[in-house]
Amino acid sequence: MSAPKNPSHLAVVRGEPTAEEIAVLTAVLSTRAAAVRRAAEEPEPERPSGWRDRSRGLRAPLRPGPGAWRMSTR
């Protein structure tokens, strides 16, 4: 027994899917694989340096409690 020249990438192991169902499955898997490839190729966005990070200038949320009024000016 010789190996097939063009082995298939999908194999039906149970049930009797129609040609349309196999076509939909193939389209979904192809689209997902393309999306994963695109995500892997895109570089991650650069984080701003500490000098340009504007979130450092935001004040921390106020925490109520004893002595909290002293911290309200910081």
C-alpha atoms as a PDB file:
ATOM      1  CA  MET A   1       0.000   0.000   0.000  1.00  0.00           C
ATOM      2  CA  SER A   2       1.500   3.319  -1.043  1.00  0.00           C
ATOM      3  CA  ALA A   3       0.897   6.680   0.590  1.00  0.00           C
ATOM      4  CA  PRO A   4      -1.413   9.070  -1.270  1.00  0.00           C
ATOM      5  CA  LYS A   5       0.322  11.795  -3.296  1.00  0.00           C
ATOM      6  CA  ASN A   6      -1.875  14.581  -1.865  1.00  0.00           C
ATOM      7  CA  PRO A   7      -2.838  13.712   1.698  1.00  0.00           C
ATOM      8  CA  SER A   8      -5.868  15.610   2.927  1.00  0.00           C
ATOM      9  CA  HIS A   9      -5.585  18.015   5.845  1.00  0.00           C
ATOM     10  CA  LEU A  10      -9.043  17.181   7.191  1.00  0.00           C
ATOM     11  CA  ALA A  11     -10.497  13.773   7.904  1.00  0.00           C
ATOM     12  CA  VAL A  12     -14.067  12.873   8.829  1.00  0.00           C
ATOM     13  CA  VAL A  13     -13.927  10.401  11.701  1.00  0.00           C
ATOM     14  CA  ARG A  14     -17.616  10.193  12.543  1.00  0.00           C
ATOM     15  CA  GLY A  15     -20.863  11.029  10.806  1.00  0.00           C
ATOM     16  CA  GLU A  16     -21.682  11.858   7.212  1.00  0.00           C
ATOM     17  CA  PRO A  17     -21.170  15.607   6.611  1.00  0.00           C
ATOM     18  CA  THR A  18     -22.482  17.172   3.447  1.00  0.00           C
ATOM     19  CA  ALA A  19     -20.260  18.962   0.971  1.00  0.00           C
ATOM     20  CA  GLU A  20     -21.617  22.306   2.222  1.00  0.00           C
ATOM     21  CA  GLU A  21     -20.727  21.482   5.837  1.00  0.00           C
ATOM     22  CA  ILE A  22     -17.182  20.557   4.858  1.00  0.00           C
ATOM     23  CA  ALA A  23     -16.906  23.770   2.826  1.00  0.00           C
ATOM     24  CA  VAL A  24     -18.063  25.874   5.790  1.00  0.00           C
ATOM     25  CA  LEU A  25     -15.623  24.132   8.129  1.00  0.00           C
ATOM     26  CA  THR A  26     -12.783  24.673   5.680  1.00  0.00           C
ATOM     27  CA  ALA A  27     -13.653  28.371   5.302  1.00  0.00           C
ATOM     28  CA  VAL A  28     -13.813  28.908   9.061  1.00  0.00           C
ATOM     29  CA  LEU A  29     -10.513  27.151   9.707  1.00  0.00           C
ATOM     30  CA  SER A  30      -8.800  29.040   6.869  1.00  0.00           C
ATOM     31  CA  THR A  31     -10.055  32.389   8.150  1.00  0.00           C
ATOM     32  CA  ARG A  32      -8.935  31.593  11.693  1.00  0.00           C
ATOM     33  CA  ALA A  33      -5.486  30.479  10.526  1.00  0.00           C
ATOM     34  CA  ALA A  34      -5.079  33.691   8.496  1.00  0.00           C
ATOM     35  CA  ALA A  35      -6.061  35.804  11.513  1.00  0.00           C
ATOM     36  CA  VAL A  36      -3.524  34.014  13.716  1.00  0.00           C
ATOM     37  CA  ARG A  37      -0.800  34.532  11.083  1.00  0.00           C
ATOM     38  CA  ARG A  38      -1.630  38.248  10.799  1.00  0.00           C
ATOM     39  CA  ALA A  39      -1.568  38.674  14.580  1.00  0.00           C
ATOM     40  CA  ALA A  40       1.821  36.979  14.777  1.00  0.00           C
ATOM     41  CA  GLU A  41       3.271  39.255  12.067  1.00  0.00           C
ATOM     42  CA  GLU A  42       2.104  42.541  13.602  1.00  0.00           C
ATOM     43  CA  PRO A  43       4.603  44.095  15.998  1.00  0.00           C
ATOM     44  CA  GLU A  44       3.407  44.819  19.495  1.00  0.00           C
ATOM     45  CA  PRO A  45       2.687  48.498  20.145  1.00  0.00           C
ATOM     46  CA  GLU A  46       5.465  50.306  21.917  1.00  0.00           C
ATOM     47  CA  ARG A  47       4.855  51.428  25.464  1.00  0.00           C
ATOM     48  CA  PRO A  48       5.529  55.107  26.046  1.00  0.00           C
ATOM     49  CA  SER A  49       8.684  55.882  27.928  1.00  0.00           C
ATOM     50  CA  GLY A  50       8.453  56.971  31.533  1.00  0.00           C
ATOM     51  CA  TRP A  51       8.996  60.562  30.457  1.00  0.00           C
ATOM     52  CA  ARG A  52       6.046  60.524  28.036  1.00  0.00           C
ATOM     53  CA  ASP A  53       3.663  58.440  30.183  1.00  0.00           C
ATOM     54  CA  ARG A  54       0.871  60.831  31.167  1.00  0.00           C
ATOM     55  CA  SER A  55      -0.732  58.403  33.613  1.00  0.00           C
ATOM     56  CA  ARG A  56       1.965  59.257  36.146  1.00  0.00           C
ATOM     57  CA  GLY A  57       0.431  62.697  36.531  1.00  0.00           C
ATOM     58  CA  LEU A  58      -2.948  61.356  37.563  1.00  0.00           C
ATOM     59  CA  ARG A  59      -3.785  61.510  41.221  1.00  0.00           C
ATOM     60  CA  ALA A  60      -4.475  58.276  43.065  1.00  0.00           C
ATOM     61  CA  PRO A  61      -8.108  57.726  44.086  1.00  0.00           C
ATOM     62  CA  LEU A  62      -9.088  59.056  47.487  1.00  0.00           C
ATOM     63  CA  ARG A  63      -9.532  56.481  50.202  1.00  0.00           C
ATOM     64  CA  PRO A  64     -11.936  57.364  52.984  1.00  0.00           C
ATOM     65  CA  GLY A  65     -10.951  56.594  56.539  1.00  0.00           C
ATOM     66  CA  PRO A  66      -9.220  58.015  59.594  1.00  0.00           C
ATOM     67  CA  GLY A  67      -6.632  60.591  58.606  1.00  0.00           C
ATOM     68  CA  ALA A  68      -7.712  60.559  54.947  1.00  0.00           C
ATOM     69  CA  TRP A  69      -8.004  64.342  54.873  1.00  0.00           C
ATOM     70  CA  ARG A  70      -4.234  64.577  55.268  1.00  0.00           C
ATOM     71  CA  MET A  71      -3.701  62.517  52.128  1.00  0.00           C
ATOM     72  CA  SER A  72      -6.157  64.575  50.058  1.00  0.00           C
ATOM     73  CA  THR A  73      -3.499  67.149  49.261  1.00  0.00           C
ATOM     74  CA  ARG A  74      -1.013  64.659  47.853  1.00  0.00           C
END
